Amino acid sequence: MSGTVAVRLPGGRLLEVVEPDWCAGAHEDGRALEDVFHEGPEMHLEVATRHGPYRVLAASVVQYPFAGDAARRVPVGSVDLGGEWFELDAAGLVGLADGLAGYARRLRELASVLPAGAG
């Protein structure tokens, strides 16, 4: 969704904000200017368990265009790790992906010693 979006600030003031193409378009009214943010669609990693699916990870792109901290004005990856959200730059996301790939290899090794169909 490209273009602009109107966000209502506290006190009723309406603010037109340039919206990046990756933004999912959900913007909450009533936030302070520095708390206005863009968020891309969330992607999830779920694991099938005997009790049903369990969400292990979630990630999206976020940006706070009016943040007091200039580092938060640029898009970053936002990753939910164990119930806490962390903001990672591109190098941080690649490092996470590399770590997950290594972990996946070790999980496959672990699975190879289990009997087929166990669990």
Protein backbone atom coordinates (compact mmCIF):
# COMPACT_ATOMS: atom_id res chain seq x y z
CA MET A 1 0.00 0.00 0.00
CA SER A 2 1.75 3.12 -1.22
CA GLY A 3 0.79 6.74 -0.69
CA THR A 4 -0.31 8.40 2.51
CA VAL A 5 -2.41 7.47 5.50
CA ALA A 6 -4.23 9.73 7.96
CA VAL A 7 -3.49 9.13 11.64
CA ARG A 8 -5.37 10.92 14.42
CA LEU A 9 -3.05 12.16 17.18
CA PRO A 10 -4.06 12.91 20.79
CA GLY A 11 -6.21 16.03 20.86
CA GLY A 12 -7.81 15.11 17.54
CA ARG A 13 -5.17 16.53 15.18
CA LEU A 14 -5.09 14.60 11.90
CA LEU A 15 -1.66 13.81 10.48
CA GLU A 16 -0.99 12.67 6.90
CA VAL A 17 1.89 10.18 6.93
CA VAL A 18 3.75 8.82 3.90
CA GLU A 19 3.17 5.09 3.88
CA PRO A 20 5.85 2.69 2.57
CA ASP A 21 4.87 -0.06 0.13
CA TRP A 22 5.60 -2.80 2.68
CA CYS A 23 3.23 -1.39 5.34
CA ALA A 24 0.20 -3.55 6.11
CA GLY A 25 -1.88 -0.40 6.59
CA ALA A 26 -3.08 -0.77 10.20
CA HIS A 27 -2.47 2.47 12.13
CA GLU A 28 -3.85 3.14 15.60
CA ASP A 29 -5.35 6.53 16.32
CA GLY A 30 -4.54 8.35 19.56
CA ARG A 31 -0.81 7.62 19.67
CA ALA A 32 1.72 10.33 20.42
CA LEU A 33 3.57 11.48 17.30
CA GLU A 34 6.80 9.64 18.22
CA ASP A 35 4.80 6.41 18.73
CA VAL A 36 3.21 6.42 15.26
CA PHE A 37 4.64 3.45 13.37
CA HIS A 38 4.42 1.41 10.19
CA GLU A 39 4.32 -2.37 10.38
CA GLY A 40 4.54 -4.96 7.62
CA PRO A 41 2.65 -8.24 7.64
CA GLU A 42 3.75 -10.68 10.33
CA MET A 43 5.29 -13.96 9.30
CA HIS A 44 5.23 -16.91 11.70
CA LEU A 45 7.09 -20.12 12.31
CA GLU A 46 4.76 -22.68 13.83
CA VAL A 47 5.58 -26.16 15.05
CA ALA A 48 3.04 -28.96 14.92
CA THR A 49 2.73 -30.57 18.36
CA ARG A 50 0.42 -33.26 19.71
CA HIS A 51 -1.51 -30.39 21.35
CA GLY A 52 -1.85 -28.45 18.11
CA PRO A 53 0.26 -25.79 16.42
CA TYR A 54 2.62 -23.72 18.56
CA ARG A 55 4.03 -20.41 17.38
CA VAL A 56 7.79 -20.34 17.90
CA LEU A 57 8.76 -17.13 16.09
CA ALA A 58 7.10 -14.10 14.55
CA ALA A 59 8.70 -11.32 12.54
CA SER A 60 7.77 -8.22 10.58
CA VAL A 61 9.23 -4.93 9.40
CA VAL A 62 8.58 -1.86 11.58
CA GLN A 63 9.44 1.82 11.36
CA TYR A 64 8.79 4.75 13.70
CA PRO A 65 9.14 7.71 11.28
CA PHE A 66 8.81 10.37 14.01
CA ALA A 67 10.83 8.68 16.77
CA GLY A 68 13.11 10.83 18.89
CA ASP A 69 15.87 8.26 18.31
CA ALA A 70 17.00 8.60 14.68
CA ALA A 71 17.93 4.89 14.56
CA ARG A 72 14.22 4.00 14.95
CA ARG A 73 13.21 6.18 11.99
CA VAL A 74 14.52 3.61 9.50
CA PRO A 75 12.81 0.27 8.86
CA VAL A 76 14.08 -2.65 10.95
CA GLY A 77 13.09 -6.25 11.46
CA SER A 78 11.00 -6.83 14.56
CA VAL A 79 11.28 -10.40 15.86
CA ASP A 80 9.33 -12.04 18.68
CA LEU A 81 11.75 -14.30 20.53
CA GLY A 82 10.15 -16.02 23.47
CA GLY A 83 7.44 -13.42 24.00
CA GLU A 84 9.72 -10.38 23.79
CA TRP A 85 10.11 -8.29 20.62
CA PHE A 86 13.58 -7.31 19.43
CA GLU A 87 14.45 -4.89 16.64
CA LEU A 88 17.21 -6.12 14.30
CA ASP A 89 18.89 -4.44 11.34
CA ALA A 90 19.56 -6.35 8.11
CA ALA A 91 22.80 -7.86 9.47
CA GLY A 92 21.00 -8.93 12.63
CA LEU A 93 18.26 -10.65 10.63
CA VAL A 94 20.83 -12.45 8.47
CA GLY A 95 22.63 -13.55 11.64
CA LEU A 96 19.35 -14.85 13.07
CA ALA A 97 18.61 -16.68 9.80
CA ASP A 98 22.09 -18.22 9.80
CA GLY A 99 21.66 -19.31 13.42
CA LEU A 100 18.27 -20.86 12.61
CA ALA A 101 19.74 -22.70 9.61
CA GLY A 102 22.47 -24.16 11.83
CA TYR A 103 19.89 -25.09 14.45
CA ALA A 104 17.76 -26.76 11.77
CA ARG A 105 20.74 -28.93 10.78
CA ARG A 106 21.21 -30.00 14.40
CA LEU A 107 17.48 -30.77 14.73
CA ARG A 108 17.70 -33.00 11.65
CA GLU A 109 20.66 -34.82 13.24
CA LEU A 110 18.65 -35.27 16.42
CA ALA A 111 15.67 -36.55 14.43
CA SER A 112 17.87 -39.10 12.67
CA VAL A 113 18.41 -41.03 15.93
CA LEU A 114 14.70 -41.28 16.72
CA PRO A 115 12.49 -44.09 15.52
CA ALA A 116 10.25 -43.15 12.58
CA GLY A 117 6.85 -41.92 13.69
CA ALA A 118 7.90 -41.26 17.31
CA GLY A 119 6.10 -38.43 19.07
